[in-house]
Amino acid sequence: MALRHAVLAALLDGEYSGYQLAKIFDIAVSNFWHAVPQQLYTELNRLESEGLITGKQVIQHDRPNKRVFTVNPAGIEELERFATLPAKPGIIREDLLVMVQAVDHISAASVIAQLEDRATASAAKVDLFDLTLERLRGGLDEETFLRKGDPIGPYLTCLRGRRFEYENYEWFTHTAQLLRERAATPAEDPESS
């Protein structure tokens, strides 16, 4: 997937400035695609020059003017084309997993500290996802929303992000605890058994 498709998908729900799009990426899109604001502004310019989105200037009296963007029919066609391509499986590239892999030969204390920091960050993301899911549902319970609510796409990706972060939280917490317990109990020499 290219950044272009993530931007087009994020713009489907409204008319957004680059700043607003960056906020959307921070909250709703970050669970499946990461981009820094400069990348988003570059991609917005590229998509507009390719005719996939339409931008317009919004005059603001108390703040600087801004440009807002919407997906146009050519952008929808590009998303339709993209949806016909085989989806590539995700991969994990995670610095912390390299540290855990090496924990038998390096200081466990530093790895435990990193695991605990990441557990805290994941817990905060879970809370943010919970708030976002609640906002998307409106007054509906989850089961009713999943059967009848709109828009379903952002809800499902947010739900996946929540599950991913919760699984991360559980793994970080469990792994830190396990390493802490192992550090407190000296390993048995296998030859003495």
C-alpha atoms as a PDB file:
ATOM      1  CA  MET A   1       0.000   0.000   0.000  1.00  0.00           C
ATOM      2  CA  ALA A   2       1.156   3.472  -0.743  1.00  0.00           C
ATOM      3  CA  LEU A   3       0.564   6.502   1.429  1.00  0.00           C
ATOM      4  CA  ARG A   4      -1.732   7.820  -1.305  1.00  0.00           C
ATOM      5  CA  HIS A   5      -4.354   5.177  -0.564  1.00  0.00           C
ATOM      6  CA  ALA A   6      -4.281   5.827   3.183  1.00  0.00           C
ATOM      7  CA  VAL A   7      -4.713   9.574   2.518  1.00  0.00           C
ATOM      8  CA  LEU A   8      -7.565   8.986   0.057  1.00  0.00           C
ATOM      9  CA  ALA A   9      -9.311   6.687   2.534  1.00  0.00           C
ATOM     10  CA  ALA A  10      -8.901   9.217   5.368  1.00  0.00           C
ATOM     11  CA  LEU A  11     -10.369  11.994   3.201  1.00  0.00           C
ATOM     12  CA  LEU A  12     -13.517  10.001   2.396  1.00  0.00           C
ATOM     13  CA  ASP A  13     -15.339  11.193   5.502  1.00  0.00           C
ATOM     14  CA  GLY A  14     -15.118  14.901   4.878  1.00  0.00           C
ATOM     15  CA  GLU A  15     -13.264  17.979   3.811  1.00  0.00           C
ATOM     16  CA  TYR A  16      -9.979  18.333   5.690  1.00  0.00           C
ATOM     17  CA  SER A  17      -6.948  20.591   5.800  1.00  0.00           C
ATOM     18  CA  GLY A  18      -3.448  19.123   5.995  1.00  0.00           C
ATOM     19  CA  TYR A  19      -3.402  19.919   9.709  1.00  0.00           C
ATOM     20  CA  GLN A  20      -6.719  18.134  10.282  1.00  0.00           C
ATOM     21  CA  LEU A  21      -5.512  15.191   8.206  1.00  0.00           C
ATOM     22  CA  ALA A  22      -2.386  14.921  10.396  1.00  0.00           C
ATOM     23  CA  LYS A  23      -4.651  14.769  13.474  1.00  0.00           C
ATOM     24  CA  ILE A  24      -6.767  12.057  11.816  1.00  0.00           C
ATOM     25  CA  PHE A  25      -3.595  10.076  11.071  1.00  0.00           C
ATOM     26  CA  ASP A  26      -2.455  10.462  14.695  1.00  0.00           C
ATOM     27  CA  ILE A  27      -5.698   9.033  16.056  1.00  0.00           C
ATOM     28  CA  ALA A  28      -7.598   6.937  13.542  1.00  0.00           C
ATOM     29  CA  VAL A  29      -5.072   5.928  10.893  1.00  0.00           C
ATOM     30  CA  SER A  30      -1.947   5.380  12.992  1.00  0.00           C
ATOM     31  CA  ASN A  31      -3.048   1.853  13.816  1.00  0.00           C
ATOM     32  CA  PHE A  32      -2.449   0.821  10.217  1.00  0.00           C
ATOM     33  CA  TRP A  33      -0.316   3.542   8.620  1.00  0.00           C
ATOM     34  CA  HIS A  34       2.279   5.979   9.951  1.00  0.00           C
ATOM     35  CA  ALA A  35       3.100   9.275   8.275  1.00  0.00           C
ATOM     36  CA  VAL A  36       4.628  12.520   9.483  1.00  0.00           C
ATOM     37  CA  PRO A  37       2.912  15.829   8.593  1.00  0.00           C
ATOM     38  CA  GLN A  38       5.486  16.715   5.904  1.00  0.00           C
ATOM     39  CA  GLN A  39       4.726  13.450   4.105  1.00  0.00           C
ATOM     40  CA  LEU A  40       1.010  14.185   4.279  1.00  0.00           C
ATOM     41  CA  TYR A  41       1.385  17.702   2.835  1.00  0.00           C
ATOM     42  CA  THR A  42       3.577  16.349   0.025  1.00  0.00           C
ATOM     43  CA  GLU A  43       1.063  13.596  -0.705  1.00  0.00           C
ATOM     44  CA  LEU A  44      -1.874  16.042  -0.698  1.00  0.00           C
ATOM     45  CA  ASN A  45      -0.080  18.176  -3.294  1.00  0.00           C
ATOM     46  CA  ARG A  46       0.710  15.097  -5.394  1.00  0.00           C
ATOM     47  CA  LEU A  47      -2.865  13.758  -5.214  1.00  0.00           C
ATOM     48  CA  GLU A  48      -4.258  17.167  -6.173  1.00  0.00           C
ATOM     49  CA  SER A  49      -1.869  17.515  -9.132  1.00  0.00           C
ATOM     50  CA  GLU A  50      -2.874  13.997 -10.274  1.00  0.00           C
ATOM     51  CA  GLY A  51      -6.554  14.979 -10.105  1.00  0.00           C
ATOM     52  CA  LEU A  52      -7.509  12.470  -7.384  1.00  0.00           C
ATOM     53  CA  ILE A  53      -8.514  15.090  -4.803  1.00  0.00           C
ATOM     54  CA  THR A  54      -9.832  18.616  -5.043  1.00  0.00           C
ATOM     55  CA  GLY A  55      -8.488  21.428  -2.896  1.00  0.00           C
ATOM     56  CA  LYS A  56     -10.014  24.785  -2.160  1.00  0.00           C
ATOM     57  CA  GLN A  57      -8.920  27.858  -0.227  1.00  0.00           C
ATOM     58  CA  VAL A  58     -10.913  28.691   2.909  1.00  0.00           C
ATOM     59  CA  ILE A  59     -10.740  32.321   3.991  1.00  0.00           C
ATOM     60  CA  GLN A  60     -10.505  32.711   7.768  1.00  0.00           C
ATOM     61  CA  HIS A  61     -10.781  36.124   9.343  1.00  0.00           C
ATOM     62  CA  ASP A  62      -9.203  35.443  12.716  1.00  0.00           C
ATOM     63  CA  ARG A  63      -6.552  32.953  11.508  1.00  0.00           C
ATOM     64  CA  PRO A  64      -4.448  32.350   8.405  1.00  0.00           C
ATOM     65  CA  ASN A  65      -6.342  31.009   5.396  1.00  0.00           C
ATOM     66  CA  LYS A  66      -6.224  27.256   4.852  1.00  0.00           C
ATOM     67  CA  ARG A  67      -6.656  24.744   2.042  1.00  0.00           C
ATOM     68  CA  VAL A  68      -9.094  21.893   2.501  1.00  0.00           C
ATOM     69  CA  PHE A  69      -9.262  18.757   0.399  1.00  0.00           C
ATOM     70  CA  THR A  70     -11.907  16.249  -0.638  1.00  0.00           C
ATOM     71  CA  VAL A  71     -11.763  13.046  -2.642  1.00  0.00           C
ATOM     72  CA  ASN A  72     -13.250  13.423  -6.111  1.00  0.00           C
ATOM     73  CA  PRO A  73     -14.590  10.693  -8.458  1.00  0.00           C
ATOM     74  CA  ALA A  74     -11.109   9.965  -9.851  1.00  0.00           C
ATOM     75  CA  GLY A  75      -9.904   9.374  -6.272  1.00  0.00           C
ATOM     76  CA  ILE A  76     -12.783   6.971  -5.652  1.00  0.00           C
ATOM     77  CA  GLU A  77     -11.843   5.137  -8.863  1.00  0.00           C
ATOM     78  CA  GLU A  78      -8.244   4.866  -7.604  1.00  0.00           C
ATOM     79  CA  LEU A  79      -9.483   3.376  -4.318  1.00  0.00           C
ATOM     80  CA  GLU A  80     -11.700   0.954  -6.277  1.00  0.00           C
ATOM     81  CA  ARG A  81      -8.658  -0.105  -8.333  1.00  0.00           C
ATOM     82  CA  PHE A  82      -6.583  -0.456  -5.169  1.00  0.00           C
ATOM     83  CA  ALA A  83      -9.282  -2.637  -3.559  1.00  0.00           C
ATOM     84  CA  THR A  84      -8.914  -5.170  -6.405  1.00  0.00           C
ATOM     85  CA  LEU A  85      -5.195  -5.712  -5.747  1.00  0.00           C
ATOM     86  CA  PRO A  86      -4.078  -8.594  -3.524  1.00  0.00           C
ATOM     87  CA  ALA A  87      -3.493  -7.315   0.017  1.00  0.00           C
ATOM     88  CA  LYS A  88       0.024  -8.014   1.239  1.00  0.00           C
ATOM     89  CA  PRO A  89       0.340  -9.502   4.733  1.00  0.00           C
ATOM     90  CA  GLY A  90       1.698  -7.201   7.411  1.00  0.00           C
ATOM     91  CA  ILE A  91       5.146  -7.689   8.872  1.00  0.00           C
ATOM     92  CA  ILE A  92       6.605  -6.869  12.258  1.00  0.00           C
ATOM     93  CA  ARG A  93       9.712  -4.711  12.376  1.00  0.00           C
ATOM     94  CA  GLU A  94      10.137  -3.871  16.017  1.00  0.00           C
ATOM     95  CA  ASP A  95      13.276  -2.645  17.797  1.00  0.00           C
ATOM     96  CA  LEU A  96      11.977  -3.872  21.132  1.00  0.00           C
ATOM     97  CA  LEU A  97      11.649  -7.431  19.826  1.00  0.00           C
ATOM     98  CA  VAL A  98      15.320  -7.337  18.820  1.00  0.00           C
ATOM     99  CA  MET A  99      16.143  -6.326  22.406  1.00  0.00           C
ATOM    100  CA  VAL A 100      14.026  -9.165  23.830  1.00  0.00           C
ATOM    101  CA  GLN A 101      15.674 -11.591  21.399  1.00  0.00           C
ATOM    102  CA  ALA A 102      19.059 -10.530  22.800  1.00  0.00           C
ATOM    103  CA  VAL A 103      17.988 -10.367  26.483  1.00  0.00           C
ATOM    104  CA  ASP A 104      20.008 -13.459  27.431  1.00  0.00           C
ATOM    105  CA  HIS A 105      23.191 -11.565  26.575  1.00  0.00           C
ATOM    106  CA  ILE A 106      22.417  -7.968  27.603  1.00  0.00           C
ATOM    107  CA  SER A 107      21.085  -6.182  30.668  1.00  0.00           C
ATOM    108  CA  ALA A 108      17.542  -7.381  31.342  1.00  0.00           C
ATOM    109  CA  ALA A 109      16.875  -4.249  33.416  1.00  0.00           C
ATOM    110  CA  SER A 110      17.037  -1.941  30.401  1.00  0.00           C
ATOM    111  CA  VAL A 111      14.799  -4.252  28.376  1.00  0.00           C
ATOM    112  CA  ILE A 112      12.287  -4.485  31.252  1.00  0.00           C
ATOM    113  CA  ALA A 113      12.216  -0.690  31.514  1.00  0.00           C
ATOM    114  CA  GLN A 114      11.506  -0.383  27.786  1.00  0.00           C
ATOM    115  CA  LEU A 115       8.775  -3.031  27.996  1.00  0.00           C
ATOM    116  CA  GLU A 116       7.140  -1.161  30.864  1.00  0.00           C
ATOM    117  CA  ASP A 117       7.311   2.149  28.976  1.00  0.00           C
ATOM    118  CA  ARG A 118       5.710   0.560  25.949  1.00  0.00           C
ATOM    119  CA  ALA A 119       3.010  -1.074  28.096  1.00  0.00           C
ATOM    120  CA  THR A 120       2.133   2.376  29.461  1.00  0.00           C
ATOM    121  CA  ALA A 121       2.004   3.843  25.940  1.00  0.00           C
ATOM    122  CA  SER A 122      -0.152   0.965  24.685  1.00  0.00           C
ATOM    123  CA  ALA A 123      -2.574   1.361  27.596  1.00  0.00           C
ATOM    124  CA  ALA A 124      -2.932   5.066  26.735  1.00  0.00           C
ATOM    125  CA  LYS A 125      -3.629   4.166  23.096  1.00  0.00           C
ATOM    126  CA  VAL A 126      -6.251   1.625  24.173  1.00  0.00           C
ATOM    127  CA  ASP A 127      -7.978   4.388  26.161  1.00  0.00           C
ATOM    128  CA  LEU A 128      -7.848   6.691  23.127  1.00  0.00           C
ATOM    129  CA  PHE A 129      -9.281   3.975  20.883  1.00  0.00           C
ATOM    130  CA  ASP A 130     -12.061   3.351  23.418  1.00  0.00           C
ATOM    131  CA  LEU A 131     -13.012   7.049  23.331  1.00  0.00           C
ATOM    132  CA  THR A 132     -12.902   7.109  19.526  1.00  0.00           C
ATOM    133  CA  LEU A 133     -15.031   3.962  19.248  1.00  0.00           C
ATOM    134  CA  GLU A 134     -17.567   5.401  21.687  1.00  0.00           C
ATOM    135  CA  ARG A 135     -17.714   8.638  19.683  1.00  0.00           C
ATOM    136  CA  LEU A 136     -18.163   6.751  16.402  1.00  0.00           C
ATOM    137  CA  ARG A 137     -20.979   4.627  17.860  1.00  0.00           C
ATOM    138  CA  GLY A 138     -22.914   7.627  19.115  1.00  0.00           C
ATOM    139  CA  GLY A 139     -25.540   6.278  21.487  1.00  0.00           C
ATOM    140  CA  LEU A 140     -25.485   2.729  20.084  1.00  0.00           C
ATOM    141  CA  ASP A 141     -24.035  -0.321  21.799  1.00  0.00           C
ATOM    142  CA  GLU A 142     -21.278  -2.045  19.848  1.00  0.00           C
ATOM    143  CA  GLU A 143     -23.339  -4.999  18.570  1.00  0.00           C
ATOM    144  CA  THR A 144     -26.061  -2.713  17.198  1.00  0.00           C
ATOM    145  CA  PHE A 145     -23.498  -0.401  15.627  1.00  0.00           C
ATOM    146  CA  LEU A 146     -21.684  -3.309  13.964  1.00  0.00           C
ATOM    147  CA  ARG A 147     -24.971  -4.475  12.395  1.00  0.00           C
ATOM    148  CA  LYS A 148     -26.481  -1.115  11.429  1.00  0.00           C
ATOM    149  CA  GLY A 149     -24.162   1.827  12.166  1.00  0.00           C
ATOM    150  CA  ASP A 150     -22.349   4.136   9.762  1.00  0.00           C
ATOM    151  CA  PRO A 151     -19.606   4.675   8.877  1.00  0.00           C
ATOM    152  CA  ILE A 152     -18.453   1.110   9.458  1.00  0.00           C
ATOM    153  CA  GLY A 153     -14.993   1.270   7.800  1.00  0.00           C
ATOM    154  CA  PRO A 154     -13.391   3.715  10.255  1.00  0.00           C
ATOM    155  CA  TYR A 155     -15.014   1.849  13.140  1.00  0.00           C
ATOM    156  CA  LEU A 156     -13.609  -1.514  12.042  1.00  0.00           C
ATOM    157  CA  THR A 157     -10.079  -0.162  11.542  1.00  0.00           C
ATOM    158  CA  CYS A 158     -10.248   1.550  14.931  1.00  0.00           C
ATOM    159  CA  LEU A 159     -11.483  -1.690  16.504  1.00  0.00           C
ATOM    160  CA  ARG A 160      -8.530  -3.528  14.955  1.00  0.00           C
ATOM    161  CA  GLY A 161      -6.143  -0.866  16.261  1.00  0.00           C
ATOM    162  CA  ARG A 162      -7.591  -1.241  19.751  1.00  0.00           C
ATOM    163  CA  ARG A 163      -7.169  -5.005  19.694  1.00  0.00           C
ATOM    164  CA  PHE A 164      -3.613  -4.651  18.401  1.00  0.00           C
ATOM    165  CA  GLU A 165      -2.664  -2.184  21.155  1.00  0.00           C
ATOM    166  CA  TYR A 166      -4.367  -4.264  23.844  1.00  0.00           C
ATOM    167  CA  GLU A 167      -2.456  -7.353  22.697  1.00  0.00           C
ATOM    168  CA  ASN A 168       0.739  -5.272  22.775  1.00  0.00           C
ATOM    169  CA  TYR A 169      -0.094  -4.091  26.306  1.00  0.00           C
ATOM    170  CA  GLU A 170      -0.647  -7.659  27.490  1.00  0.00           C
ATOM    171  CA  TRP A 171       2.548  -8.920  25.859  1.00  0.00           C
ATOM    172  CA  PHE A 172       4.713  -6.039  27.117  1.00  0.00           C
ATOM    173  CA  THR A 173       3.339  -6.421  30.655  1.00  0.00           C
ATOM    174  CA  HIS A 174       3.650 -10.210  30.739  1.00  0.00           C
ATOM    175  CA  THR A 175       7.146 -10.213  29.224  1.00  0.00           C
ATOM    176  CA  ALA A 176       8.409  -7.539  31.635  1.00  0.00           C
ATOM    177  CA  GLN A 177       7.021  -9.502  34.598  1.00  0.00           C
ATOM    178  CA  LEU A 178       8.543 -12.755  33.349  1.00  0.00           C
ATOM    179  CA  LEU A 179      11.966 -11.168  32.845  1.00  0.00           C
ATOM    180  CA  ARG A 180      11.752  -9.474  36.254  1.00  0.00           C
ATOM    181  CA  GLU A 181      10.970 -12.840  37.919  1.00  0.00           C
ATOM    182  CA  ARG A 182      13.764 -14.598  36.052  1.00  0.00           C
ATOM    183  CA  ALA A 183      16.244 -11.894  37.085  1.00  0.00           C
ATOM    184  CA  ALA A 184      15.208 -12.350  40.729  1.00  0.00           C
ATOM    185  CA  THR A 185      15.673 -16.142  40.601  1.00  0.00           C
ATOM    186  CA  PRO A 186      19.126 -17.388  39.519  1.00  0.00           C
ATOM    187  CA  ALA A 187      18.992 -19.894  36.677  1.00  0.00           C
ATOM    188  CA  GLU A 188      19.664 -23.534  37.546  1.00  0.00           C
ATOM    189  CA  ASP A 189      22.739 -25.124  36.065  1.00  0.00           C
ATOM    190  CA  PRO A 190      21.417 -27.907  33.756  1.00  0.00           C
ATOM    191  CA  GLU A 191      24.478 -30.096  34.530  1.00  0.00           C
ATOM    192  CA  SER A 192      23.689 -30.089  38.275  1.00  0.00           C
ATOM    193  CA  SER A 193      20.290 -31.742  37.717  1.00  0.00           C
END
